[in-house]
Amino acid sequence: MDTPVLNPAHALRARQLQVVNLICLLLTFITQRNMANKKQVRLPTRKVILERQVVREELLHDLLEGGQCCDLIRTSENAFRRLCEILHTVGGLRRTQRMSVEEHVARFLHIVSNDLRTRFTSWMYRRSRSTTSRCFHRVLRSIIAIEGLYIQQPTCDVVPREIQESRRFYPFFKACIGAIDGTHVRVHMPNRDAPRYRGRKGYPTINVLAACTFDLKFTYVLTGWEGTASDSKIIKNAFTRDDKLLIPSGNLLNQCRYCLVDGGLPHTNKLMAPYRGVRYHLKKYSMRGPQNSKELFNLRHASLRNAIERAFGVLKRRFPIIRSTTKPFYSCETQSAIVLACCILHNFLLDEDRDINLEDEVMQEILNGPQEQDRCNSTETDEDNSRADQLRNSIANEMWANYLAHSNN
């Protein structure tokens, strides 16, 4: 008997059905395999859940009652409790179904005070990485929400106590309200954007501009500028942006208010820089006294201006997450927010848990550190700069006359 011959259309249809059957069998196999894998994932038993809860409770007890708070999260027990209260009542931080406000804050401080990775912090608290990440960002948002309480720009015509009580600074710097400088913080950037952020450090950084009072409190913080941006460009932006840097325009004892800056920023009515080309490193003056009015001015200018260097030093000692040179885990935007949050915590701790020993250590580092390069500032010659030069010269001359009079007595 002859075998029936299929026409081409029937043959094509048969092959298509075979392919469909194979695909269905493959999908069935994959589905069954995935179901088997899911069955192998063991959810924690009630006993394991309770054991993890005990670990967390013991950890928080050791922080608050065991005297380990300062060592582990760089703050005292009383300051920690006060911070939790403020973040809850003002910052809007709320406990979740399984996590207290105290655990939220402790985990955040563990990370920023020790530069810990999410993986390790999750293991410490026996939580998942996703839970730890959500916790971190909740606290970060809450801290930034209280910025207005702790970072406030000066508004009144009052001579700072650190100036008024020093014969070296008063009455010469009576109109000075603070110091301004910048620092670099390493960030994680995609390869396509890294060149814009890679400055003299050799790795991507953001430039952080900050102003502080002479008791080391930050009054203004601007983060996010690329590491390659010039200081003069950043300061111009700080004076013109919506959340701009404010220096009161009123006069105090016939002097306009101003801040002290180093040679990398322009010398203007509101920014008083040292004389260019004149030594002013503090360590050098310990070996030989100033020889003229400009040297004396630069010496006292540097002595007063190093408040911002000490503020940055204390900040980075307390919060190594912004001092570390290792590649950060967080995005550039998150790292910028972390810097601002650490500045807010810095001001909070100056009120609640000031560490004089730490400030003394930072001061010694500055005094024994390498001499700064004499950076070139702006050479603009407009009327404001002329008035700024006149003010600086008058202060230097008055200071020199007073210095000679007292050295001869």
Protein backbone atom coordinates (compact mmCIF):
# COMPACT_ATOMS: atom_id res chain seq x y z
CA MET A 1 0.00 0.00 0.00
CA ASP A 2 1.38 3.37 -0.98
CA THR A 3 2.19 5.95 1.74
CA PRO A 4 -0.06 8.99 1.46
CA VAL A 5 1.82 12.08 0.35
CA LEU A 6 1.11 15.29 2.32
CA ASN A 7 0.90 18.46 0.43
CA PRO A 8 3.33 21.25 1.42
CA ALA A 9 0.73 23.17 3.46
CA HIS A 10 -0.05 20.12 5.63
CA ALA A 11 3.65 19.40 6.17
CA LEU A 12 4.30 22.97 7.33
CA ARG A 13 1.38 22.80 9.71
CA ALA A 14 2.69 19.56 11.24
CA ARG A 15 6.14 21.06 11.83
CA GLN A 16 4.61 24.12 13.48
CA LEU A 17 2.61 21.89 15.86
CA GLN A 18 5.78 20.00 16.79
CA VAL A 19 7.57 23.27 17.62
CA VAL A 20 4.64 24.45 19.74
CA ASN A 21 4.63 21.14 21.67
CA LEU A 22 8.36 21.48 22.36
CA ILE A 23 7.94 25.04 23.63
CA CYS A 24 5.09 24.00 25.94
CA LEU A 25 7.16 21.14 27.33
CA LEU A 26 10.10 23.52 27.97
CA LEU A 27 7.90 26.10 29.72
CA THR A 28 6.36 23.35 31.87
CA PHE A 29 9.83 22.16 32.86
CA ILE A 30 11.00 25.68 33.78
CA THR A 31 7.85 26.39 35.80
CA GLN A 32 8.14 23.16 37.76
CA ARG A 33 11.82 23.83 38.44
CA ASN A 34 11.10 27.34 39.74
CA MET A 35 8.34 25.99 41.97
CA ALA A 36 10.74 23.41 43.36
CA ASN A 37 13.32 26.11 44.09
CA LYS A 38 10.74 28.23 45.88
CA LYS A 39 9.79 25.29 48.04
CA GLN A 40 13.46 24.96 49.03
CA VAL A 41 13.54 28.54 50.42
CA ARG A 42 12.96 28.09 54.11
CA LEU A 43 11.18 30.89 55.88
CA PRO A 44 12.50 31.64 59.37
CA THR A 45 10.74 29.77 62.09
CA ARG A 46 9.25 31.51 65.08
CA LYS A 47 12.24 30.40 67.11
CA VAL A 48 14.67 32.05 64.66
CA ILE A 49 12.61 35.24 64.60
CA LEU A 50 12.68 35.43 68.39
CA GLU A 51 16.43 34.76 68.46
CA ARG A 52 17.03 37.64 66.03
CA GLN A 53 14.86 39.91 68.14
CA VAL A 54 16.91 39.03 71.21
CA VAL A 55 20.13 39.94 69.34
CA ARG A 56 18.71 43.36 68.43
CA GLU A 57 17.49 44.02 71.96
CA GLU A 58 20.89 43.10 73.41
CA LEU A 59 22.65 45.35 70.92
CA LEU A 60 20.47 48.35 71.79
CA HIS A 61 20.82 47.58 75.51
CA ASP A 62 24.62 47.56 75.20
CA LEU A 63 24.46 50.93 73.43
CA LEU A 64 22.18 52.64 75.92
CA GLU A 65 23.01 50.89 79.19
CA GLY A 66 26.35 49.20 78.65
CA GLY A 67 28.53 52.27 78.16
CA GLN A 68 29.36 51.46 74.52
CA CYS A 69 27.44 54.28 72.90
CA CYS A 70 30.41 56.66 72.48
CA ASP A 71 32.67 53.91 71.13
CA LEU A 72 30.20 52.47 68.62
CA ILE A 73 28.17 55.42 67.36
CA ARG A 74 30.25 58.43 68.53
CA THR A 75 27.64 59.96 70.81
CA SER A 76 26.63 59.74 74.45
CA GLU A 77 23.54 57.89 75.65
CA ASN A 78 21.76 61.12 76.58
CA ALA A 79 22.53 62.72 73.22
CA PHE A 80 21.31 59.59 71.43
CA ARG A 81 18.00 59.64 73.27
CA ARG A 82 17.62 63.36 72.60
CA LEU A 83 18.31 62.84 68.90
CA CYS A 84 15.70 60.09 68.70
CA GLU A 85 13.17 62.38 70.36
CA ILE A 86 13.86 65.28 67.97
CA LEU A 87 13.78 63.08 64.87
CA HIS A 88 10.47 61.62 66.03
CA THR A 89 8.71 64.85 67.04
CA VAL A 90 10.21 67.26 64.47
CA GLY A 91 11.77 65.15 61.74
CA GLY A 92 8.74 62.90 61.30
CA LEU A 93 10.58 59.61 61.93
CA ARG A 94 8.07 56.93 62.93
CA ARG A 95 8.46 53.42 64.27
CA THR A 96 7.35 50.65 61.95
CA GLN A 97 5.53 47.46 62.85
CA ARG A 98 8.80 45.68 63.66
CA MET A 99 11.37 48.45 64.19
CA SER A 100 11.57 51.15 66.87
CA VAL A 101 12.78 54.70 66.35
CA GLU A 102 15.84 53.88 68.46
CA GLU A 103 16.83 51.01 66.19
CA HIS A 104 16.36 53.22 63.12
CA VAL A 105 18.69 55.88 64.50
CA ALA A 106 21.24 53.44 65.93
CA ARG A 107 21.61 51.67 62.58
CA PHE A 108 22.07 54.95 60.75
CA LEU A 109 24.72 56.12 63.22
CA HIS A 110 26.49 52.77 63.04
CA ILE A 111 26.84 53.25 59.28
CA VAL A 112 27.94 56.90 59.15
CA SER A 113 30.14 56.73 62.26
CA ASN A 114 32.07 53.65 61.12
CA ASP A 115 31.68 53.73 57.32
CA LEU A 116 29.96 50.34 57.37
CA ARG A 117 28.42 48.64 54.36
CA THR A 118 24.77 47.64 54.25
CA ARG A 119 25.75 43.96 54.18
CA PHE A 120 27.58 44.12 57.51
CA THR A 121 24.98 46.31 59.21
CA SER A 122 22.26 43.92 58.10
CA TRP A 123 24.14 41.04 59.70
CA MET A 124 24.68 43.02 62.93
CA TYR A 125 20.97 43.71 63.35
CA ARG A 126 19.78 40.44 61.81
CA ARG A 127 17.77 42.26 59.17
CA SER A 128 17.60 41.95 55.39
CA ARG A 129 19.62 44.32 53.23
CA SER A 130 16.47 45.86 51.76
CA THR A 131 15.18 46.59 55.26
CA THR A 132 18.49 48.17 56.24
CA SER A 133 18.50 50.33 53.10
CA ARG A 134 14.95 51.57 53.71
CA CYS A 135 15.80 52.29 57.35
CA PHE A 136 18.90 54.30 56.35
CA HIS A 137 17.01 56.49 53.91
CA ARG A 138 14.14 57.10 56.35
CA VAL A 139 16.57 58.45 58.94
CA LEU A 140 18.49 60.41 56.30
CA ARG A 141 15.30 62.20 55.21
CA SER A 142 14.34 62.82 58.82
CA ILE A 143 17.69 64.43 59.67
CA ILE A 144 17.58 66.71 56.63
CA ALA A 145 14.07 67.72 57.71
CA ILE A 146 15.51 69.31 60.88
CA GLU A 147 18.17 71.30 58.99
CA GLY A 148 16.45 74.58 59.86
CA LEU A 149 16.84 73.88 63.58
CA TYR A 150 20.58 73.34 63.52
CA ILE A 151 22.06 75.10 60.48
CA GLN A 152 21.17 78.77 60.75
CA GLN A 153 22.86 81.71 59.07
CA PRO A 154 23.81 84.71 61.26
CA THR A 155 21.38 87.62 61.16
CA CYS A 156 22.24 89.89 64.10
CA ASP A 157 24.97 92.49 64.66
CA VAL A 158 26.78 90.81 67.54
CA VAL A 159 30.54 90.44 67.87
CA PRO A 160 31.40 86.71 68.22
CA ARG A 161 32.55 85.81 71.72
CA GLU A 162 35.76 84.23 70.39
CA ILE A 163 36.73 87.61 68.91
CA GLN A 164 35.45 89.88 71.66
CA GLU A 165 37.36 88.04 74.39
CA SER A 166 40.72 88.02 72.55
CA ARG A 167 43.12 90.97 72.43
CA ARG A 168 44.67 89.44 69.31
CA PHE A 169 41.39 89.68 67.37
CA TYR A 170 39.43 92.52 68.97
CA PRO A 171 38.69 95.17 67.84
CA PHE A 172 40.38 94.40 64.51
CA PHE A 173 38.03 91.61 63.36
CA LYS A 174 34.97 92.93 65.19
CA ALA A 175 32.81 92.81 62.03
CA CYS A 176 33.80 89.25 61.09
CA ILE A 177 31.00 86.69 61.43
CA GLY A 178 32.70 83.44 60.43
CA ALA A 179 34.95 81.56 58.02
CA ILE A 180 34.33 79.89 54.65
CA ASP A 181 36.19 77.07 52.91
CA GLY A 182 35.65 73.94 50.88
CA THR A 183 36.52 70.26 51.12
CA HIS A 184 36.29 67.23 48.83
CA VAL A 185 34.25 64.08 49.48
CA ARG A 186 34.62 60.97 47.35
CA VAL A 187 31.55 59.86 45.39
CA HIS A 188 30.49 56.97 43.16
CA MET A 189 29.91 58.09 39.57
CA PRO A 190 29.14 56.29 36.27
CA ASN A 191 32.16 56.11 33.96
CA ARG A 192 30.63 58.57 31.51
CA ASP A 193 30.37 61.28 34.20
CA ALA A 194 33.51 60.51 36.20
CA PRO A 195 35.89 62.90 34.32
CA ARG A 196 33.80 65.93 35.39
CA TYR A 197 34.17 64.94 39.04
CA ARG A 198 37.77 63.71 39.02
CA GLY A 199 39.91 66.55 40.37
CA ARG A 200 43.32 66.63 41.97
CA LYS A 201 42.46 63.69 44.21
CA GLY A 202 42.62 61.24 41.30
CA TYR A 203 39.13 59.87 41.91
CA PRO A 204 35.62 61.38 41.55
CA THR A 205 34.70 63.83 44.31
CA ILE A 206 32.13 66.47 45.06
CA ASN A 207 33.18 69.89 46.32
CA VAL A 208 31.53 70.88 49.60
CA LEU A 209 31.46 74.60 50.41
CA ALA A 210 30.67 75.50 54.01
CA ALA A 211 30.62 78.49 56.34
CA CYS A 212 30.99 78.21 60.10
CA THR A 213 31.13 80.33 63.22
CA PHE A 214 34.19 80.43 65.45
CA ASP A 215 32.69 77.86 67.83
CA LEU A 216 32.82 75.39 64.89
CA LYS A 217 29.11 75.37 64.05
CA PHE A 218 28.20 75.18 60.37
CA THR A 219 25.96 78.03 59.23
CA TYR A 220 25.79 77.16 55.53
CA VAL A 221 26.50 73.98 53.55
CA LEU A 222 26.47 73.65 49.76
CA THR A 223 27.13 70.18 48.34
CA GLY A 224 27.01 68.58 44.91
CA TRP A 225 29.47 70.62 42.81
CA GLU A 226 31.86 68.58 40.68
CA GLY A 227 35.35 68.05 42.08
CA THR A 228 36.81 69.91 39.08
CA ALA A 229 34.78 73.10 39.74
CA SER A 230 36.81 76.13 40.84
CA ASP A 231 36.29 77.67 44.27
CA SER A 232 35.45 81.07 42.78
CA LYS A 233 32.74 79.53 40.58
CA ILE A 234 31.19 77.75 43.55
CA ILE A 235 31.20 80.84 45.80
CA LYS A 236 29.54 82.91 43.06
CA ASN A 237 26.81 80.28 42.81
CA ALA A 238 26.42 80.26 46.60
CA PHE A 239 25.65 84.00 46.59
CA THR A 240 23.07 83.81 43.76
CA ARG A 241 21.14 80.53 44.18
CA ASP A 242 17.71 80.33 45.85
CA ASP A 243 19.11 78.91 49.10
CA LYS A 244 21.95 81.39 48.99
CA LEU A 245 24.75 82.18 51.37
CA LEU A 246 23.80 85.24 53.44
CA ILE A 247 26.22 87.73 54.95
CA PRO A 248 24.40 90.55 56.76
CA SER A 249 24.86 93.87 54.97
CA GLY A 250 24.57 96.04 58.08
CA ASN A 251 27.52 97.89 59.60
CA LEU A 252 29.01 97.10 62.99
CA LEU A 253 31.17 99.85 64.49
CA ASN A 254 31.61 101.40 61.02
CA GLN A 255 32.64 98.12 59.36
CA CYS A 256 30.66 95.98 56.91
CA ARG A 257 30.14 92.37 57.93
CA TYR A 258 32.34 89.77 56.24
CA CYS A 259 33.72 86.22 56.42
CA LEU A 260 37.33 85.08 56.36
CA VAL A 261 38.48 82.99 53.38
CA ASP A 262 41.76 81.56 52.14
CA GLY A 263 43.70 82.68 49.06
CA GLY A 264 41.68 80.48 46.72
CA LEU A 265 38.59 82.67 47.01
CA PRO A 266 38.17 86.26 45.81
CA HIS A 267 38.89 89.16 48.16
CA THR A 268 35.73 91.31 48.29
CA ASN A 269 33.67 93.38 50.69
CA LYS A 270 32.05 90.22 52.04
CA LEU A 271 35.04 87.87 51.79
CA MET A 272 38.33 88.84 53.42
CA ALA A 273 41.31 86.90 52.07
CA PRO A 274 44.92 87.05 53.32
CA TYR A 275 47.61 89.05 51.53
CA ARG A 276 49.02 87.12 48.59
CA GLY A 277 52.67 86.16 48.60
CA VAL A 278 52.97 86.70 52.37
CA ARG A 279 53.60 83.72 54.63
CA TYR A 280 50.88 82.84 57.08
CA HIS A 281 51.35 79.21 58.09
CA LEU A 282 50.94 79.08 61.87
CA LYS A 283 53.86 76.71 62.45
CA LYS A 284 56.36 79.10 60.86
CA TYR A 285 55.38 81.95 63.17
CA SER A 286 56.29 79.84 66.19
CA MET A 287 59.93 80.06 65.10
CA ARG A 288 60.03 83.76 64.20
CA GLY A 289 57.61 86.57 64.89
CA PRO A 290 55.93 88.67 62.17
CA GLN A 291 58.15 91.36 60.62
CA ASN A 292 55.54 93.75 59.20
CA SER A 293 51.85 94.57 59.19
CA LYS A 294 50.98 92.14 56.39
CA GLU A 295 52.67 89.21 58.09
CA LEU A 296 50.93 90.01 61.37
CA PHE A 297 47.59 90.32 59.59
CA ASN A 298 48.05 86.98 57.82
CA LEU A 299 49.09 85.31 61.07
CA ARG A 300 45.98 86.40 62.96
CA HIS A 301 43.79 85.91 59.91
CA ALA A 302 44.99 82.27 59.68
CA SER A 303 44.59 81.77 63.44
CA LEU A 304 40.97 82.87 63.26
CA ARG A 305 40.12 81.32 59.88
CA ASN A 306 41.26 77.84 60.89
CA ALA A 307 37.88 77.47 62.63
CA ILE A 308 36.51 76.12 59.34
CA GLU A 309 39.44 73.70 59.01
CA ARG A 310 38.82 72.49 62.56
CA ALA A 311 35.09 72.15 61.87
CA PHE A 312 35.81 69.97 58.82
CA GLY A 313 38.37 67.99 60.82
CA VAL A 314 35.96 67.25 63.66
CA LEU A 315 33.19 66.44 61.16
CA LYS A 316 35.31 63.87 59.33
CA ARG A 317 36.62 62.35 62.56
CA ARG A 318 33.09 61.83 63.88
CA PHE A 319 31.70 60.57 60.57
CA PRO A 320 34.30 58.58 58.60
CA ILE A 321 31.75 57.85 55.87
CA ILE A 322 32.64 61.25 54.37
CA ARG A 323 36.37 60.93 55.08
CA SER A 324 36.91 57.53 53.50
CA THR A 325 38.94 57.27 50.29
CA THR A 326 37.41 53.89 49.39
CA LYS A 327 34.79 53.81 46.66
CA PRO A 328 31.42 54.76 48.18
CA PHE A 329 28.43 52.46 48.04
CA TYR A 330 25.84 55.22 47.60
CA SER A 331 24.98 57.35 44.57
CA CYS A 332 26.30 60.90 44.19
CA GLU A 333 22.94 62.38 45.20
CA THR A 334 22.72 60.22 48.31
CA GLN A 335 26.33 60.93 49.25
CA SER A 336 25.62 64.68 49.00
CA ALA A 337 22.63 64.25 51.29
CA ILE A 338 24.80 62.25 53.72
CA VAL A 339 27.30 65.12 53.91
CA LEU A 340 24.52 67.58 54.76
CA ALA A 341 23.06 65.18 57.35
CA CYS A 342 26.46 64.77 59.00
CA CYS A 343 26.84 68.57 59.21
CA ILE A 344 23.45 68.77 60.92
CA LEU A 345 24.46 66.03 63.37
CA HIS A 346 27.78 67.83 63.95
CA ASN A 347 25.95 70.98 65.07
CA PHE A 348 23.54 68.94 67.18
CA LEU A 349 26.43 67.21 68.97
CA LEU A 350 28.22 70.52 69.63
CA ASP A 351 25.19 71.45 71.73
CA GLU A 352 24.47 68.08 73.30
CA ASP A 353 27.77 66.18 73.47
CA ARG A 354 30.79 68.37 72.69
CA ASP A 355 34.10 66.49 72.54
CA ILE A 356 36.86 68.90 73.57
CA ASN A 357 39.54 66.21 73.33
CA LEU A 358 38.63 65.53 69.72
CA GLU A 359 38.77 69.25 68.90
CA ASP A 360 42.22 69.50 70.52
CA GLU A 361 43.48 66.55 68.45
CA VAL A 362 42.23 68.16 65.25
CA MET A 363 43.88 71.45 66.20
CA GLN A 364 47.22 69.73 66.68
CA GLU A 365 46.87 68.06 63.28
CA ILE A 366 46.34 71.45 61.66
CA LEU A 367 49.30 73.05 63.45
CA ASN A 368 51.61 70.15 62.56
CA GLY A 369 50.27 69.68 59.05
CA PRO A 370 52.01 70.68 55.81
CA GLN A 371 52.09 74.32 54.76
CA GLU A 372 49.32 75.33 52.40
CA GLN A 373 50.16 76.48 48.91
CA ASP A 374 49.55 80.16 48.26
CA ARG A 375 46.57 79.77 45.95
CA CYS A 376 45.72 82.57 43.54
CA ASN A 377 42.48 84.37 44.19
CA SER A 378 40.46 86.62 41.93
CA THR A 379 42.20 89.69 40.57
CA GLU A 380 39.10 91.76 39.89
CA THR A 381 39.63 95.49 40.39
CA ASP A 382 36.13 96.86 40.67
CA GLU A 383 35.04 99.37 43.29
CA ASP A 384 34.05 96.68 45.79
CA ASN A 385 37.54 95.17 45.64
CA SER A 386 39.10 98.59 46.15
CA ARG A 387 37.04 99.13 49.29
CA ALA A 388 37.92 95.63 50.46
CA ASP A 389 41.63 96.39 50.04
CA GLN A 390 41.24 99.63 51.98
CA LEU A 391 39.49 97.82 54.84
CA ARG A 392 42.12 95.09 54.96
CA ASN A 393 44.97 97.64 54.92
CA SER A 394 43.38 99.69 57.70
CA ILE A 395 42.95 96.58 59.86
CA ALA A 396 46.54 95.50 59.21
CA ASN A 397 47.96 98.94 60.03
CA GLU A 398 45.90 99.29 63.21
CA MET A 399 46.87 95.77 64.26
CA TRP A 400 50.59 96.46 63.61
CA ALA A 401 50.57 99.71 65.57
CA ASN A 402 48.92 97.96 68.51
CA TYR A 403 51.42 95.08 68.26
CA LEU A 404 54.43 97.43 68.35
CA ALA A 405 53.01 99.44 71.23
CA HIS A 406 52.48 96.37 73.39
CA SER A 407 55.75 94.67 72.41
CA ASN A 408 57.69 97.73 73.56
CA ASN A 409 56.05 97.74 76.99
